[in-house]
Amino acid sequence: MTTATELQRRARFAALVAEVGEPVQRYLRRRIDADTAEDVLSEVLLVCWRRLDEIPVDALPWVFVVARNCLANARRAARRRERLVQRIRVVDPPEPMASVADTADGSAGASAEVADAEVRAALDRLRPAEAEVLRLWAWEELTPTQISVVLEISPNAVSIRLHRAKKALRAALLRDERRKVEPDAGHVGDDGGSR
């Protein structure tokens, strides 16, 4: 028989999942593959269920901390699996696979995908702390106060990091743009001189 307290707890958990489920899923899918994101989301929700009484009113930043920790655990597990696979490959190498031809076409979304890839590449070149604060701010749409909870730093430190990270990202994107437009430095021109 289900007690009133258990019913209240279930109702609170259902409301929590409705509030944070989709944002946390987006957070995870932006950082890992979809299948692993689903596994990690399950872990996050399990932690939320177990620690339901500890979750503050503004639950999303708290749940992002849990998601970040569960994601770190998943990444550690993946690295351990990869090391194991590498050891197995040394002992028993797999048969070579036939190559699959790339069938990319010039669809209308190609330019948006290129721009997205350029931003992701620029983010990957930033320091991890800069990239993460930008992702939390831009992708997850968290406020500096909420980001401070996720990163376990002060809101002032978040604002400073965010300012520096935006500046670093802008500089990285400008460098990439210049590389596309400008010829390589040191190129020898028609007059035989160096440019």
Protein backbone atom coordinates (compact mmCIF):
# COMPACT_ATOMS: atom_id res chain seq x y z
CA MET A 1 0.00 0.00 0.00
CA THR A 2 1.31 3.41 -0.99
CA THR A 3 1.40 6.02 1.76
CA ALA A 4 0.61 9.72 1.36
CA THR A 5 4.29 10.55 1.87
CA GLU A 6 5.32 8.21 -0.96
CA LEU A 7 2.67 9.75 -3.23
CA GLN A 8 3.94 13.24 -2.43
CA ARG A 9 7.50 12.14 -3.10
CA ARG A 10 6.52 10.64 -6.46
CA ALA A 11 4.59 13.77 -7.41
CA ARG A 12 7.58 15.95 -6.47
CA PHE A 13 9.91 13.77 -8.51
CA ALA A 14 7.57 13.85 -11.52
CA ALA A 15 7.47 17.65 -11.32
CA LEU A 16 11.27 17.74 -11.07
CA VAL A 17 11.68 15.52 -14.14
CA ALA A 18 9.24 17.72 -16.06
CA GLU A 19 11.27 20.79 -15.08
CA VAL A 20 14.84 19.55 -15.62
CA GLY A 21 14.59 16.47 -17.84
CA GLU A 22 14.80 18.18 -21.22
CA PRO A 23 17.46 20.78 -20.29
CA VAL A 24 19.69 18.11 -18.75
CA GLN A 25 19.20 15.86 -21.77
CA ARG A 26 20.29 18.75 -24.05
CA TYR A 27 23.26 19.42 -21.75
CA LEU A 28 24.39 15.82 -22.05
CA ARG A 29 23.74 15.42 -25.80
CA ARG A 30 25.89 18.45 -26.50
CA ARG A 31 28.79 16.79 -24.75
CA ILE A 32 28.51 13.08 -25.63
CA ASP A 33 26.80 10.74 -28.08
CA ALA A 34 23.04 10.23 -27.80
CA ASP A 35 23.15 6.67 -26.41
CA THR A 36 25.61 7.55 -23.66
CA ALA A 37 23.61 10.71 -22.93
CA GLU A 38 20.53 8.57 -22.28
CA ASP A 39 22.50 6.30 -19.94
CA VAL A 40 23.93 9.25 -18.05
CA LEU A 41 20.50 10.89 -17.85
CA SER A 42 19.21 7.73 -16.19
CA GLU A 43 22.02 7.95 -13.64
CA VAL A 44 21.26 11.63 -13.02
CA LEU A 45 17.58 10.91 -12.42
CA LEU A 46 18.46 8.05 -10.08
CA VAL A 47 20.64 10.39 -8.02
CA CYS A 48 17.81 12.94 -8.01
CA TRP A 49 15.37 10.32 -6.75
CA ARG A 50 17.74 9.22 -4.00
CA ARG A 51 18.55 12.79 -2.92
CA LEU A 52 15.14 14.35 -3.60
CA ASP A 53 14.97 15.96 -0.17
CA GLU A 54 18.30 17.76 -0.75
CA ILE A 55 17.32 19.41 -4.04
CA PRO A 56 16.90 23.20 -3.70
CA VAL A 57 13.99 25.23 -5.09
CA ASP A 58 16.08 26.36 -8.08
CA ALA A 59 16.74 22.75 -9.04
CA LEU A 60 18.33 23.07 -12.48
CA PRO A 61 21.82 24.21 -11.42
CA TRP A 62 21.91 21.52 -8.71
CA VAL A 63 20.90 18.88 -11.24
CA PHE A 64 23.54 20.16 -13.69
CA VAL A 65 26.16 19.55 -10.98
CA VAL A 66 24.89 15.98 -10.68
CA ALA A 67 24.90 15.63 -14.49
CA ARG A 68 28.45 16.96 -14.68
CA ASN A 69 29.62 14.42 -12.09
CA CYS A 70 27.77 11.54 -13.77
CA LEU A 71 29.22 12.63 -17.13
CA ALA A 72 32.72 12.61 -15.66
CA ASN A 73 32.09 9.07 -14.36
CA ALA A 74 30.86 7.97 -17.81
CA ARG A 75 33.92 9.46 -19.49
CA ARG A 76 36.25 7.70 -17.03
CA ALA A 77 34.45 4.42 -17.71
CA ALA A 78 34.76 5.00 -21.48
CA ARG A 79 38.50 5.62 -21.14
CA ARG A 80 38.88 2.40 -19.16
CA ARG A 81 36.94 0.50 -21.84
CA GLU A 82 39.08 2.04 -24.58
CA ARG A 83 42.30 1.04 -22.80
CA LEU A 84 40.94 -2.49 -22.51
CA VAL A 85 40.01 -2.54 -26.21
CA GLN A 86 43.51 -1.34 -27.11
CA ARG A 87 45.06 -4.14 -25.07
CA ILE A 88 42.78 -6.69 -26.76
CA ARG A 89 43.69 -5.31 -30.20
CA VAL A 90 47.35 -5.90 -29.48
CA VAL A 91 46.66 -9.53 -28.58
CA ASP A 92 43.95 -10.24 -31.18
CA PRO A 93 43.77 -7.56 -33.93
CA PRO A 94 40.43 -7.26 -35.76
CA GLU A 95 40.00 -8.02 -39.45
CA PRO A 96 40.21 -4.94 -41.71
CA MET A 97 36.81 -3.48 -42.62
CA ALA A 98 35.76 -2.40 -46.09
CA SER A 99 35.63 1.38 -46.41
CA VAL A 100 32.24 3.02 -46.66
CA ALA A 101 31.90 5.74 -49.27
CA ASP A 102 30.90 9.13 -47.94
CA THR A 103 27.55 10.13 -49.39
CA ALA A 104 27.36 13.75 -48.26
CA ASP A 105 25.27 15.97 -50.50
CA GLY A 106 25.06 19.75 -50.72
CA SER A 107 21.85 20.21 -48.74
CA ALA A 108 20.50 23.60 -47.65
CA GLY A 109 21.57 23.04 -44.05
CA ALA A 110 25.19 22.49 -45.05
CA SER A 111 26.26 26.08 -44.38
CA ALA A 112 24.63 26.02 -40.92
CA GLU A 113 26.39 22.74 -40.19
CA VAL A 114 29.71 24.24 -41.30
CA ALA A 115 29.17 27.26 -39.04
CA ASP A 116 28.20 24.97 -36.15
CA ALA A 117 31.29 22.85 -36.78
CA GLU A 118 33.47 25.99 -36.83
CA VAL A 119 32.09 27.17 -33.49
CA ARG A 120 32.52 23.72 -31.98
CA ALA A 121 36.10 23.54 -33.29
CA ALA A 122 36.85 26.98 -31.85
CA LEU A 123 35.32 25.92 -28.51
CA ASP A 124 37.49 22.81 -28.51
CA ARG A 125 40.60 24.99 -28.81
CA LEU A 126 39.67 27.08 -25.76
CA ARG A 127 40.74 26.15 -22.28
CA PRO A 128 38.25 23.61 -20.86
CA ALA A 129 37.04 26.03 -18.16
CA GLU A 130 36.36 28.74 -20.77
CA ALA A 131 34.54 26.34 -23.08
CA GLU A 132 32.38 24.97 -20.28
CA VAL A 133 31.28 28.38 -19.00
CA LEU A 134 30.32 29.36 -22.57
CA ARG A 135 28.38 26.14 -23.10
CA LEU A 136 26.48 26.58 -19.85
CA TRP A 137 25.67 30.19 -20.71
CA ALA A 138 24.87 29.86 -24.43
CA TRP A 139 23.65 26.29 -24.86
CA GLU A 140 22.03 25.66 -21.49
CA GLU A 141 20.90 29.30 -21.09
CA LEU A 142 21.88 29.47 -17.43
CA THR A 143 22.36 32.74 -15.58
CA PRO A 144 25.75 33.54 -14.03
CA THR A 145 24.27 32.75 -10.61
CA GLN A 146 23.09 29.33 -11.81
CA ILE A 147 26.45 28.70 -13.52
CA SER A 148 28.18 29.51 -10.24
CA VAL A 149 26.26 26.66 -8.60
CA VAL A 150 27.15 24.23 -11.41
CA LEU A 151 30.84 25.14 -11.45
CA GLU A 152 31.02 25.63 -7.68
CA ILE A 153 32.56 29.10 -7.96
CA SER A 154 31.30 32.58 -7.12
CA PRO A 155 28.94 34.47 -9.46
CA ASN A 156 31.63 37.15 -9.80
CA ALA A 157 34.15 34.53 -10.94
CA VAL A 158 31.58 33.28 -13.46
CA SER A 159 31.13 36.79 -14.87
CA ILE A 160 34.88 37.22 -15.22
CA ARG A 161 35.32 33.79 -16.83
CA LEU A 162 32.39 34.40 -19.14
CA HIS A 163 33.79 37.74 -20.28
CA ARG A 164 37.23 36.23 -20.93
CA ALA A 165 35.75 33.16 -22.61
CA LYS A 166 33.64 35.26 -25.00
CA LYS A 167 36.73 37.28 -25.87
CA ALA A 168 38.80 34.11 -26.43
CA LEU A 169 36.08 32.54 -28.60
CA ARG A 170 35.73 35.70 -30.66
CA ALA A 171 39.52 35.77 -31.20
CA ALA A 172 39.57 32.08 -32.18
CA LEU A 173 36.76 32.56 -34.69
CA LEU A 174 38.48 35.65 -36.17
CA ARG A 175 41.75 33.70 -36.55
CA ASP A 176 39.86 30.95 -38.36
CA GLU A 177 38.18 33.48 -40.64
CA ARG A 178 41.51 35.15 -41.45
CA ARG A 179 43.07 31.79 -42.31
CA LYS A 180 40.32 31.21 -44.87
CA VAL A 181 40.73 34.61 -46.49
CA GLU A 182 44.42 35.50 -46.20
CA PRO A 183 47.20 33.66 -48.02
CA ASP A 184 49.82 31.87 -45.97
CA ALA A 185 52.42 34.14 -44.39
CA GLY A 186 55.81 34.05 -46.09
CA HIS A 187 54.36 33.32 -49.52
CA VAL A 188 56.67 34.36 -52.32
CA GLY A 189 54.95 36.77 -54.74
CA ASP A 190 55.44 37.29 -58.48
CA ASP A 191 58.09 39.93 -57.88
CA GLY A 192 60.28 37.35 -56.15
CA GLY A 193 59.98 39.10 -52.80
CA SER A 194 58.36 37.86 -49.67
CA ARG A 195 54.93 39.20 -48.68
